[in-house]
Amino acid sequence: MIRSQHKMVTTPEEYLVAERCSDIKNEYFDGEVFAMAGASRKHNIILTNVVRVLGNTLIDRPCNVYSSDMRVKIEKLMKYSYPDVVISCEEEQFEDANEDILLTPWVILEILSGSTEAYDRGVKFAHYQWIPSFKEYVLISQHFCRVERFFRQNDNTWIYSEFHDLNNTIPIQTIQCELSLQDIYRKIKFNETEG
């Protein structure tokens, strides 16, 4: 990709000052700021379902479940991102005293949309893999009954599994719990054309 020599470069410090005052969420990568699109009703219902169920499951454990307002920093790439759901446990590390930039995610869940699916599957997943604590990635379709799970092995290979049935339960091995598709898709109605 060829970049213009006149590209406006934003420093991470400038990004954070502006972002902490912004009404909209923006991601940051390589000196550029990218506005995030708004979420659909289905996306919001799924997000609420997942946060509620995982939050209740982990309530007595040293883990926290954060929804899409928690920034995650990929230090090696100097990138700031907003996962839909992020889980971290035990000794959490944050970039600064504001505690709004997590450095140590264990599990990241993304709810796919038409505009973000290719990015979430490709570049975004590749970027997340630079985070040493990151072990498990879950992709949730909002248009079909379909959830995919990637689990990192000790040799940095990933095991893939896919779930299509509302009676399926997804093991989230990193935090030793399960998430059922019935809970994920509670109150979601799929159109016949959506599969």
N, C-alpha and C. Protein backbone atom coordinates (compact mmCIF):
# COMPACT_ATOMS: atom_id res chain seq x y z
N MET A 1 0.85 -1.19 0.00
CA MET A 1 0.00 0.00 0.00
C MET A 1 0.89 1.24 0.00
N ILE A 2 0.60 2.17 -0.88
CA ILE A 2 1.35 3.42 -0.96
C ILE A 2 0.59 4.48 -0.18
N ARG A 3 1.30 5.16 0.68
CA ARG A 3 0.67 6.19 1.49
C ARG A 3 1.11 7.56 1.00
N SER A 4 0.23 8.50 1.13
CA SER A 4 0.54 9.86 0.75
C SER A 4 1.63 10.42 1.66
N GLN A 5 2.52 11.22 1.09
CA GLN A 5 3.56 11.85 1.90
C GLN A 5 2.95 12.93 2.80
N HIS A 6 1.72 13.32 2.50
CA HIS A 6 1.07 14.39 3.26
C HIS A 6 0.10 13.84 4.30
N LYS A 7 0.17 12.54 4.58
CA LYS A 7 -0.73 11.93 5.54
C LYS A 7 -0.56 12.59 6.92
N MET A 8 -1.70 12.90 7.54
CA MET A 8 -1.67 13.44 8.89
C MET A 8 -1.40 12.30 9.86
N VAL A 9 -0.33 12.39 10.61
CA VAL A 9 0.01 11.35 11.57
C VAL A 9 -0.39 11.82 12.96
N THR A 10 -1.11 10.96 13.66
CA THR A 10 -1.52 11.23 15.02
C THR A 10 -0.67 10.40 15.95
N THR A 11 -0.17 10.99 17.01
CA THR A 11 0.62 10.22 17.97
C THR A 11 -0.35 9.46 18.89
N PRO A 12 0.12 8.38 19.53
CA PRO A 12 -0.75 7.68 20.49
C PRO A 12 -1.25 8.60 21.58
N GLU A 13 -0.40 9.52 22.04
CA GLU A 13 -0.80 10.45 23.09
C GLU A 13 -1.93 11.36 22.62
N GLU A 14 -1.81 11.87 21.39
CA GLU A 14 -2.88 12.73 20.83
C GLU A 14 -4.17 11.94 20.68
N TYR A 15 -4.05 10.70 20.21
CA TYR A 15 -5.22 9.84 20.05
C TYR A 15 -5.95 9.66 21.39
N LEU A 16 -5.20 9.33 22.44
CA LEU A 16 -5.83 9.05 23.73
C LEU A 16 -6.48 10.28 24.34
N VAL A 17 -5.86 11.44 24.20
CA VAL A 17 -6.47 12.68 24.71
C VAL A 17 -7.80 12.91 24.01
N ALA A 18 -7.81 12.79 22.69
CA ALA A 18 -9.05 13.01 21.92
C ALA A 18 -10.07 11.92 22.20
N GLU A 19 -9.62 10.67 22.28
CA GLU A 19 -10.54 9.54 22.42
C GLU A 19 -11.26 9.56 23.77
N ARG A 20 -10.56 9.98 24.79
CA ARG A 20 -11.18 10.00 26.12
C ARG A 20 -12.24 11.09 26.25
N CYS A 21 -12.31 11.99 25.28
CA CYS A 21 -13.33 13.05 25.26
C CYS A 21 -14.37 12.82 24.16
N SER A 22 -14.16 11.79 23.34
CA SER A 22 -14.98 11.59 22.15
C SER A 22 -16.31 10.92 22.46
N ASP A 23 -17.34 11.31 21.71
CA ASP A 23 -18.65 10.67 21.82
C ASP A 23 -18.74 9.40 21.00
N ILE A 24 -17.82 9.24 20.05
CA ILE A 24 -17.78 8.02 19.23
C ILE A 24 -16.47 7.29 19.48
N LYS A 25 -16.47 5.99 19.21
CA LYS A 25 -15.26 5.18 19.40
C LYS A 25 -14.43 5.16 18.14
N ASN A 26 -13.12 5.29 18.33
CA ASN A 26 -12.18 5.25 17.22
C ASN A 26 -11.04 4.30 17.58
N GLU A 27 -10.62 3.49 16.60
CA GLU A 27 -9.44 2.65 16.81
C GLU A 27 -8.22 3.40 16.28
N TYR A 28 -7.06 2.97 16.73
CA TYR A 28 -5.81 3.65 16.36
C TYR A 28 -4.79 2.62 15.91
N PHE A 29 -4.15 2.89 14.76
CA PHE A 29 -3.09 2.01 14.27
C PHE A 29 -2.16 2.78 13.34
N ASP A 30 -0.88 2.68 13.63
CA ASP A 30 0.15 3.22 12.75
C ASP A 30 -0.07 4.70 12.43
N GLY A 31 -0.42 5.48 13.46
CA GLY A 31 -0.56 6.92 13.27
C GLY A 31 -1.89 7.37 12.72
N GLU A 32 -2.78 6.42 12.42
CA GLU A 32 -4.08 6.77 11.85
C GLU A 32 -5.20 6.41 12.82
N VAL A 33 -6.28 7.18 12.75
CA VAL A 33 -7.46 6.98 13.58
C VAL A 33 -8.61 6.56 12.69
N PHE A 34 -9.31 5.48 13.12
CA PHE A 34 -10.39 4.92 12.31
C PHE A 34 -11.68 4.90 13.12
N ALA A 35 -12.71 5.59 12.62
CA ALA A 35 -14.00 5.62 13.32
C ALA A 35 -14.66 4.26 13.21
N MET A 36 -15.32 3.86 14.28
CA MET A 36 -16.02 2.58 14.30
C MET A 36 -17.49 2.79 13.96
N ALA A 37 -18.04 1.84 13.23
CA ALA A 37 -19.44 1.92 12.83
C ALA A 37 -20.35 1.58 14.02
N GLY A 38 -21.57 2.08 13.96
CA GLY A 38 -22.54 1.74 15.00
C GLY A 38 -22.98 0.29 14.89
N ALA A 39 -23.60 -0.23 15.94
CA ALA A 39 -23.99 -1.64 15.99
C ALA A 39 -25.49 -1.79 15.76
N SER A 40 -25.88 -2.93 15.17
CA SER A 40 -27.28 -3.23 14.92
C SER A 40 -27.98 -3.70 16.20
N ARG A 41 -29.30 -3.80 16.12
CA ARG A 41 -30.08 -4.31 17.26
C ARG A 41 -29.66 -5.72 17.61
N LYS A 42 -29.51 -6.61 16.60
CA LYS A 42 -29.10 -7.99 16.87
C LYS A 42 -27.73 -8.02 17.55
N HIS A 43 -26.82 -7.20 17.06
CA HIS A 43 -25.48 -7.12 17.64
C HIS A 43 -25.58 -6.76 19.12
N ASN A 44 -26.39 -5.77 19.44
CA ASN A 44 -26.53 -5.33 20.83
C ASN A 44 -27.17 -6.38 21.72
N ILE A 45 -28.16 -7.10 21.21
CA ILE A 45 -28.80 -8.16 22.00
C ILE A 45 -27.78 -9.27 22.29
N ILE A 46 -27.05 -9.70 21.25
CA ILE A 46 -26.04 -10.76 21.43
C ILE A 46 -24.97 -10.30 22.42
N LEU A 47 -24.51 -9.08 22.27
CA LEU A 47 -23.49 -8.55 23.18
C LEU A 47 -23.98 -8.58 24.63
N THR A 48 -25.20 -8.12 24.85
CA THR A 48 -25.76 -8.12 26.20
C THR A 48 -25.90 -9.53 26.75
N ASN A 49 -26.37 -10.46 25.91
CA ASN A 49 -26.50 -11.86 26.33
C ASN A 49 -25.16 -12.43 26.78
N VAL A 50 -24.14 -12.23 25.96
CA VAL A 50 -22.81 -12.80 26.23
C VAL A 50 -22.22 -12.21 27.51
N VAL A 51 -22.28 -10.89 27.64
CA VAL A 51 -21.72 -10.23 28.82
C VAL A 51 -22.46 -10.67 30.09
N ARG A 52 -23.78 -10.77 30.01
CA ARG A 52 -24.57 -11.17 31.17
C ARG A 52 -24.22 -12.61 31.60
N VAL A 53 -24.22 -13.53 30.66
CA VAL A 53 -23.99 -14.94 30.99
C VAL A 53 -22.56 -15.16 31.49
N LEU A 54 -21.58 -14.61 30.77
CA LEU A 54 -20.19 -14.80 31.21
C LEU A 54 -19.92 -14.07 32.52
N GLY A 55 -20.49 -12.88 32.68
CA GLY A 55 -20.32 -12.14 33.92
C GLY A 55 -20.87 -12.91 35.12
N ASN A 56 -22.05 -13.51 34.94
CA ASN A 56 -22.64 -14.30 36.02
C ASN A 56 -21.83 -15.57 36.30
N THR A 57 -21.35 -16.20 35.24
CA THR A 57 -20.55 -17.43 35.39
C THR A 57 -19.26 -17.17 36.15
N LEU A 58 -18.65 -16.01 35.90
CA LEU A 58 -17.34 -15.70 36.47
C LEU A 58 -17.42 -14.81 37.71
N ILE A 59 -18.62 -14.61 38.24
CA ILE A 59 -18.81 -13.61 39.30
C ILE A 59 -17.94 -13.86 40.54
N ASP A 60 -17.70 -15.11 40.87
CA ASP A 60 -16.92 -15.42 42.07
C ASP A 60 -15.48 -15.81 41.75
N ARG A 61 -15.05 -15.53 40.53
CA ARG A 61 -13.69 -15.88 40.12
C ARG A 61 -12.89 -14.61 39.86
N PRO A 62 -11.57 -14.69 39.87
CA PRO A 62 -10.74 -13.49 39.68
C PRO A 62 -10.65 -13.07 38.21
N CYS A 63 -11.81 -12.92 37.58
CA CYS A 63 -11.88 -12.56 36.16
C CYS A 63 -12.85 -11.40 35.99
N ASN A 64 -12.65 -10.62 34.95
CA ASN A 64 -13.56 -9.54 34.59
C ASN A 64 -13.98 -9.68 33.14
N VAL A 65 -15.24 -9.37 32.89
CA VAL A 65 -15.80 -9.39 31.54
C VAL A 65 -16.11 -7.95 31.17
N TYR A 66 -15.51 -7.49 30.08
CA TYR A 66 -15.70 -6.10 29.64
C TYR A 66 -16.43 -6.09 28.30
N SER A 67 -17.36 -5.16 28.16
CA SER A 67 -18.03 -4.99 26.87
C SER A 67 -17.23 -4.02 26.02
N SER A 68 -17.83 -3.58 24.96
CA SER A 68 -17.10 -2.90 23.88
C SER A 68 -16.53 -1.53 24.21
N ASP A 69 -16.63 -1.07 25.44
CA ASP A 69 -16.02 0.22 25.80
C ASP A 69 -14.60 0.10 26.33
N MET A 70 -14.14 -1.13 26.57
CA MET A 70 -12.77 -1.33 27.06
C MET A 70 -11.81 -1.42 25.88
N ARG A 71 -10.87 -0.49 25.84
CA ARG A 71 -9.83 -0.54 24.81
C ARG A 71 -8.82 -1.62 25.15
N VAL A 72 -8.28 -2.27 24.13
CA VAL A 72 -7.17 -3.21 24.28
C VAL A 72 -6.00 -2.66 23.48
N LYS A 73 -4.84 -2.65 24.09
CA LYS A 73 -3.65 -2.17 23.40
C LYS A 73 -2.80 -3.37 22.96
N ILE A 74 -2.43 -3.35 21.69
CA ILE A 74 -1.48 -4.34 21.16
C ILE A 74 -0.14 -3.63 21.13
N GLU A 75 0.65 -3.84 22.17
CA GLU A 75 1.85 -3.04 22.38
C GLU A 75 2.85 -3.14 21.23
N LYS A 76 3.09 -4.33 20.72
CA LYS A 76 4.10 -4.50 19.66
C LYS A 76 3.75 -3.74 18.40
N LEU A 77 2.47 -3.49 18.19
CA LEU A 77 2.02 -2.80 16.97
C LEU A 77 1.61 -1.36 17.24
N MET A 78 1.63 -0.95 18.51
CA MET A 78 1.13 0.37 18.91
C MET A 78 -0.27 0.59 18.32
N LYS A 79 -1.14 -0.38 18.63
CA LYS A 79 -2.52 -0.34 18.14
C LYS A 79 -3.48 -0.36 19.32
N TYR A 80 -4.53 0.44 19.23
CA TYR A 80 -5.61 0.45 20.21
C TYR A 80 -6.88 -0.02 19.51
N SER A 81 -7.53 -1.00 20.11
CA SER A 81 -8.70 -1.62 19.50
C SER A 81 -9.81 -1.76 20.52
N TYR A 82 -11.05 -1.90 20.05
CA TYR A 82 -12.21 -2.11 20.92
C TYR A 82 -12.84 -3.47 20.59
N PRO A 83 -12.47 -4.53 21.28
CA PRO A 83 -13.18 -5.80 21.05
C PRO A 83 -14.63 -5.69 21.54
N ASP A 84 -15.51 -6.52 20.99
CA ASP A 84 -16.89 -6.51 21.47
C ASP A 84 -16.97 -6.98 22.92
N VAL A 85 -16.27 -8.07 23.22
CA VAL A 85 -16.21 -8.58 24.59
C VAL A 85 -14.77 -9.04 24.84
N VAL A 86 -14.25 -8.69 25.99
CA VAL A 86 -12.90 -9.13 26.36
C VAL A 86 -12.92 -9.60 27.81
N ILE A 87 -12.20 -10.70 28.05
CA ILE A 87 -12.14 -11.27 29.40
C ILE A 87 -10.68 -11.33 29.82
N SER A 88 -10.42 -10.89 31.03
CA SER A 88 -9.07 -11.03 31.59
C SER A 88 -9.21 -11.53 33.01
N CYS A 89 -8.16 -12.17 33.49
CA CYS A 89 -8.22 -12.80 34.81
C CYS A 89 -6.94 -12.53 35.59
N GLU A 90 -7.07 -12.72 36.89
CA GLU A 90 -5.96 -12.61 37.83
C GLU A 90 -5.33 -11.22 37.78
N GLU A 91 -4.03 -11.13 37.58
CA GLU A 91 -3.33 -9.85 37.65
C GLU A 91 -3.51 -9.07 36.35
N GLU A 92 -4.57 -8.29 36.27
CA GLU A 92 -4.79 -7.49 35.07
C GLU A 92 -3.75 -6.38 34.99
N GLN A 93 -3.36 -6.06 33.77
CA GLN A 93 -2.44 -4.94 33.57
C GLN A 93 -3.10 -3.93 32.64
N PHE A 94 -2.95 -2.65 33.02
CA PHE A 94 -3.50 -1.56 32.22
C PHE A 94 -2.36 -0.62 31.83
N GLU A 95 -2.60 0.17 30.79
CA GLU A 95 -1.55 1.07 30.32
C GLU A 95 -1.24 2.17 31.32
N ASP A 96 -2.28 2.68 31.99
CA ASP A 96 -2.05 3.78 32.93
C ASP A 96 -3.12 3.75 34.02
N ALA A 97 -3.10 4.76 34.87
CA ALA A 97 -3.98 4.80 36.03
C ALA A 97 -5.46 4.95 35.67
N ASN A 98 -5.77 5.33 34.44
CA ASN A 98 -7.17 5.44 34.02
C ASN A 98 -7.86 4.08 33.95
N GLU A 99 -7.08 3.02 33.81
CA GLU A 99 -7.59 1.65 33.71
C GLU A 99 -8.65 1.50 32.63
N ASP A 100 -8.46 2.18 31.51
CA ASP A 100 -9.39 2.04 30.38
C ASP A 100 -8.69 1.47 29.14
N ILE A 101 -7.45 0.99 29.33
CA ILE A 101 -6.70 0.36 28.24
C ILE A 101 -6.08 -0.92 28.79
N LEU A 102 -6.68 -2.05 28.44
CA LEU A 102 -6.25 -3.35 28.94
C LEU A 102 -5.08 -3.87 28.12
N LEU A 103 -4.07 -4.37 28.81
CA LEU A 103 -2.89 -4.94 28.14
C LEU A 103 -2.90 -6.46 28.15
N THR A 104 -3.74 -7.08 28.99
CA THR A 104 -3.65 -8.53 29.21
C THR A 104 -4.97 -9.26 28.99
N PRO A 105 -5.55 -9.18 27.79
CA PRO A 105 -6.77 -9.97 27.54
C PRO A 105 -6.43 -11.45 27.44
N TRP A 106 -7.33 -12.29 27.95
CA TRP A 106 -7.19 -13.74 27.80
C TRP A 106 -8.07 -14.26 26.66
N VAL A 107 -9.32 -13.78 26.65
CA VAL A 107 -10.31 -14.24 25.66
C VAL A 107 -10.93 -13.00 25.02
N ILE A 108 -11.07 -13.04 23.70
CA ILE A 108 -11.73 -11.95 22.96
C ILE A 108 -12.86 -12.56 22.14
N LEU A 109 -14.03 -11.93 22.21
CA LEU A 109 -15.18 -12.34 21.40
C LEU A 109 -15.58 -11.18 20.51
N GLU A 110 -15.78 -11.48 19.24
CA GLU A 110 -16.23 -10.46 18.28
C GLU A 110 -17.54 -10.92 17.66
N ILE A 111 -18.49 -10.00 17.53
CA ILE A 111 -19.77 -10.26 16.89
C ILE A 111 -19.66 -9.75 15.45
N LEU A 112 -19.79 -10.65 14.50
CA LEU A 112 -19.52 -10.32 13.10
C LEU A 112 -20.67 -9.55 12.47
N SER A 113 -20.30 -8.60 11.62
CA SER A 113 -21.28 -7.89 10.80
C SER A 113 -20.76 -7.88 9.36
N GLY A 114 -21.62 -7.52 8.44
CA GLY A 114 -21.21 -7.49 7.04
C GLY A 114 -20.01 -6.60 6.80
N SER A 115 -19.94 -5.48 7.52
CA SER A 115 -18.86 -4.52 7.29
C SER A 115 -17.57 -4.87 8.03
N THR A 116 -17.65 -5.72 9.06
CA THR A 116 -16.43 -6.00 9.84
C THR A 116 -15.95 -7.45 9.75
N GLU A 117 -16.72 -8.34 9.14
CA GLU A 117 -16.38 -9.77 9.21
C GLU A 117 -15.00 -10.08 8.65
N ALA A 118 -14.69 -9.58 7.47
CA ALA A 118 -13.38 -9.88 6.88
C ALA A 118 -12.24 -9.35 7.75
N TYR A 119 -12.42 -8.16 8.30
CA TYR A 119 -11.40 -7.56 9.17
C TYR A 119 -11.24 -8.37 10.47
N ASP A 120 -12.38 -8.74 11.09
CA ASP A 120 -12.33 -9.50 12.34
C ASP A 120 -11.66 -10.86 12.14
N ARG A 121 -11.91 -11.51 11.00
CA ARG A 121 -11.32 -12.82 10.72
C ARG A 121 -9.85 -12.72 10.33
N GLY A 122 -9.50 -11.63 9.68
CA GLY A 122 -8.17 -11.52 9.09
C GLY A 122 -7.20 -10.66 9.88
N VAL A 123 -7.11 -9.40 9.49
CA VAL A 123 -6.10 -8.49 10.05
C VAL A 123 -6.26 -8.33 11.56
N LYS A 124 -7.48 -8.15 12.02
CA LYS A 124 -7.69 -7.93 13.46
C LYS A 124 -7.24 -9.14 14.27
N PHE A 125 -7.59 -10.34 13.81
CA PHE A 125 -7.17 -11.56 14.50
C PHE A 125 -5.64 -11.68 14.47
N ALA A 126 -5.05 -11.39 13.33
CA ALA A 126 -3.58 -11.44 13.22
C ALA A 126 -2.93 -10.46 14.19
N HIS A 127 -3.51 -9.28 14.33
CA HIS A 127 -2.97 -8.28 15.26
C HIS A 127 -3.12 -8.74 16.71
N TYR A 128 -4.28 -9.28 17.06
CA TYR A 128 -4.49 -9.76 18.43
C TYR A 128 -3.45 -10.82 18.82
N GLN A 129 -3.01 -11.59 17.86
CA GLN A 129 -2.08 -12.68 18.17
C GLN A 129 -0.72 -12.19 18.68
N TRP A 130 -0.43 -10.91 18.56
CA TRP A 130 0.80 -10.33 19.11
C TRP A 130 0.71 -10.13 20.62
N ILE A 131 -0.48 -10.32 21.20
CA ILE A 131 -0.65 -10.13 22.65
C ILE A 131 -0.33 -11.46 23.34
N PRO A 132 0.71 -11.52 24.16
CA PRO A 132 1.12 -12.80 24.77
C PRO A 132 0.03 -13.47 25.61
N SER A 133 -0.80 -12.71 26.30
CA SER A 133 -1.81 -13.29 27.19
C SER A 133 -3.02 -13.84 26.43
N PHE A 134 -3.20 -13.44 25.17
CA PHE A 134 -4.38 -13.78 24.38
C PHE A 134 -4.34 -15.25 23.96
N LYS A 135 -5.37 -16.02 24.40
CA LYS A 135 -5.37 -17.47 24.16
C LYS A 135 -6.57 -17.98 23.39
N GLU A 136 -7.66 -17.22 23.37
CA GLU A 136 -8.88 -17.77 22.78
C GLU A 136 -9.67 -16.67 22.07
N TYR A 137 -10.15 -17.00 20.87
CA TYR A 137 -10.86 -16.04 20.03
C TYR A 137 -12.17 -16.67 19.61
N VAL A 138 -13.28 -15.97 19.84
CA VAL A 138 -14.60 -16.48 19.51
C VAL A 138 -15.28 -15.50 18.56
N LEU A 139 -15.75 -16.00 17.42
CA LEU A 139 -16.45 -15.18 16.43
C LEU A 139 -17.91 -15.61 16.40
N ILE A 140 -18.80 -14.65 16.58
CA ILE A 140 -20.23 -14.93 16.66
C ILE A 140 -20.94 -14.24 15.50
N SER A 141 -21.64 -15.03 14.69
CA SER A 141 -22.43 -14.45 13.61
C SER A 141 -23.70 -13.85 14.18
N GLN A 142 -24.13 -12.72 13.65
CA GLN A 142 -25.42 -12.17 14.07
C GLN A 142 -26.51 -12.48 13.05
N HIS A 143 -26.13 -13.06 11.91
CA HIS A 143 -27.10 -13.35 10.85
C HIS A 143 -27.43 -14.83 10.73
N PHE A 144 -26.58 -15.70 11.28
CA PHE A 144 -26.79 -17.14 11.23
C PHE A 144 -26.52 -17.70 12.62
N CYS A 145 -27.02 -18.89 12.87
CA CYS A 145 -26.68 -19.59 14.10
C CYS A 145 -25.32 -20.24 13.86
N ARG A 146 -24.27 -19.48 14.17
CA ARG A 146 -22.92 -19.96 13.89
C ARG A 146 -21.91 -19.25 14.79
N VAL A 147 -21.15 -20.05 15.52
CA VAL A 147 -20.09 -19.53 16.38
C VAL A 147 -18.82 -20.31 16.09
N GLU A 148 -17.72 -19.58 15.95
CA GLU A 148 -16.43 -20.21 15.68
C GLU A 148 -15.47 -19.90 16.83
N ARG A 149 -14.61 -20.86 17.13
CA ARG A 149 -13.68 -20.71 18.25
C ARG A 149 -12.28 -21.10 17.82
N PHE A 150 -11.33 -20.26 18.17
CA PHE A 150 -9.91 -20.52 17.92
C PHE A 150 -9.21 -20.58 19.27
N PHE A 151 -8.45 -21.66 19.50
CA PHE A 151 -7.77 -21.84 20.79
C PHE A 151 -6.27 -22.00 20.55
N ARG A 152 -5.48 -21.12 21.16
CA ARG A 152 -4.03 -21.11 20.95
C ARG A 152 -3.35 -22.24 21.72
N GLN A 153 -2.48 -22.94 21.03
CA GLN A 153 -1.69 -24.00 21.65
C GLN A 153 -0.34 -23.44 22.11
N ASN A 154 0.39 -24.22 22.87
CA ASN A 154 1.68 -23.77 23.39
C ASN A 154 2.69 -23.45 22.29
N ASP A 155 2.52 -24.09 21.11
CA ASP A 155 3.46 -23.82 20.00
C ASP A 155 2.94 -22.71 19.08
N ASN A 156 1.93 -21.96 19.54
CA ASN A 156 1.33 -20.84 18.81
C ASN A 156 0.54 -21.25 17.57
N THR A 157 0.22 -22.55 17.44
CA THR A 157 -0.77 -22.95 16.44
C THR A 157 -2.15 -22.79 17.08
N TRP A 158 -3.18 -22.79 16.24
CA TRP A 158 -4.54 -22.57 16.73
C TRP A 158 -5.43 -23.75 16.35
N ILE A 159 -6.24 -24.20 17.29
CA ILE A 159 -7.24 -25.24 17.02
C ILE A 159 -8.56 -24.55 16.74
N TYR A 160 -9.20 -24.95 15.62
CA TYR A 160 -10.45 -24.33 15.19
C TYR A 160 -11.62 -25.28 15.45
N SER A 161 -12.72 -24.72 15.94
CA SER A 161 -13.96 -25.49 16.05
C SER A 161 -15.13 -24.58 15.70
N GLU A 162 -16.22 -25.21 15.24
CA GLU A 162 -17.37 -24.46 14.74
C GLU A 162 -18.65 -25.07 15.30
N PHE A 163 -19.63 -24.21 15.62
CA PHE A 163 -20.87 -24.65 16.25
C PHE A 163 -22.05 -24.03 15.52
N HIS A 164 -23.06 -24.86 15.17
CA HIS A 164 -24.19 -24.39 14.36
C HIS A 164 -25.56 -24.65 14.98
N ASP A 165 -25.62 -25.40 16.04
CA ASP A 165 -26.89 -25.84 16.60
C ASP A 165 -27.16 -25.14 17.93
N LEU A 166 -28.39 -24.69 18.12
CA LEU A 166 -28.73 -24.00 19.37
C LEU A 166 -28.52 -24.89 20.60
N ASN A 167 -28.46 -26.19 20.40
CA ASN A 167 -28.20 -27.11 21.51
C ASN A 167 -26.71 -27.28 21.80
N ASN A 168 -25.86 -26.67 20.97
CA ASN A 168 -24.41 -26.76 21.19
C ASN A 168 -23.98 -25.88 22.35
N THR A 169 -22.92 -26.31 23.00
CA THR A 169 -22.27 -25.53 24.05
C THR A 169 -20.80 -25.37 23.68
N ILE A 170 -20.31 -24.16 23.76
CA ILE A 170 -18.91 -23.86 23.39
C ILE A 170 -18.06 -23.89 24.65
N PRO A 171 -17.01 -24.71 24.65
CA PRO A 171 -16.09 -24.64 25.79
C PRO A 171 -15.17 -23.43 25.62
N ILE A 172 -15.08 -22.62 26.65
CA ILE A 172 -14.09 -21.54 26.64
C ILE A 172 -13.02 -21.97 27.62
N GLN A 173 -12.06 -22.67 27.06
CA GLN A 173 -11.10 -23.43 27.86
C GLN A 173 -10.22 -22.55 28.73
N THR A 174 -9.83 -21.39 28.21
CA THR A 174 -8.91 -20.51 28.93
C THR A 174 -9.46 -20.11 30.30
N ILE A 175 -10.77 -19.93 30.37
CA ILE A 175 -11.39 -19.52 31.65
C ILE A 175 -12.23 -20.64 32.25
N GLN A 176 -12.10 -21.85 31.69
CA GLN A 176 -12.76 -23.04 32.22
C GLN A 176 -14.25 -22.84 32.45
N CYS A 177 -14.92 -22.42 31.38
CA CYS A 177 -16.38 -22.32 31.45
C CYS A 177 -16.96 -22.64 30.08
N GLU A 178 -18.29 -22.63 30.01
CA GLU A 178 -18.98 -22.94 28.77
C GLU A 178 -19.99 -21.84 28.46
N LEU A 179 -20.31 -21.72 27.18
CA LEU A 179 -21.28 -20.73 26.72
C LEU A 179 -22.18 -21.42 25.71
N SER A 180 -23.47 -21.49 26.00
CA SER A 180 -24.38 -22.19 25.09
C SER A 180 -24.86 -21.25 23.98
N LEU A 181 -25.12 -21.82 22.81
CA LEU A 181 -25.67 -21.02 21.72
C LEU A 181 -27.07 -20.52 22.07
N GLN A 182 -27.81 -21.28 22.88
CA GLN A 182 -29.12 -20.79 23.30
C GLN A 182 -29.00 -19.49 24.09
N ASP A 183 -27.99 -19.42 24.94
CA ASP A 183 -27.77 -18.18 25.70
C ASP A 183 -27.29 -17.04 24.80
N ILE A 184 -26.38 -17.35 23.87
CA ILE A 184 -25.87 -16.32 22.96
C ILE A 184 -27.00 -15.71 22.15
N TYR A 185 -27.88 -16.59 21.60
CA TYR A 185 -28.90 -16.14 20.66
C TYR A 185 -30.28 -15.96 21.30
N ARG A 186 -30.34 -15.86 22.62
CA ARG A 186 -31.63 -15.63 23.29
C ARG A 186 -32.25 -14.33 22.76
N LYS A 187 -33.53 -14.40 22.37
CA LYS A 187 -34.32 -13.28 21.84
C LYS A 187 -33.92 -12.87 20.41
N ILE A 188 -33.09 -13.68 19.76
CA ILE A 188 -32.73 -13.41 18.36
C ILE A 188 -33.58 -14.29 17.46
N LYS A 189 -34.20 -13.68 16.45
CA LYS A 189 -34.94 -14.44 15.45
C LYS A 189 -34.20 -14.30 14.12
N PHE A 190 -33.91 -15.44 13.52
CA PHE A 190 -33.25 -15.44 12.22
C PHE A 190 -34.28 -15.50 11.12
N ASN A 191 -34.07 -14.74 10.04
CA ASN A 191 -34.94 -14.84 8.87
C ASN A 191 -34.65 -16.14 8.15
N GLU A 192 -35.67 -16.68 7.43
CA GLU A 192 -35.45 -17.93 6.70
C GLU A 192 -34.32 -17.80 5.70
N THR A 193 -34.17 -16.62 5.12
CA THR A 193 -33.10 -16.41 4.14
C THR A 193 -31.71 -16.32 4.78
N GLU A 194 -31.68 -16.22 6.12
CA GLU A 194 -30.40 -16.11 6.81
C GLU A 194 -29.87 -17.48 7.23
N GLY A 195 -30.56 -18.53 6.98
CA GLY A 195 -30.05 -19.86 7.27
C GLY A 195 -30.56 -20.42 8.56
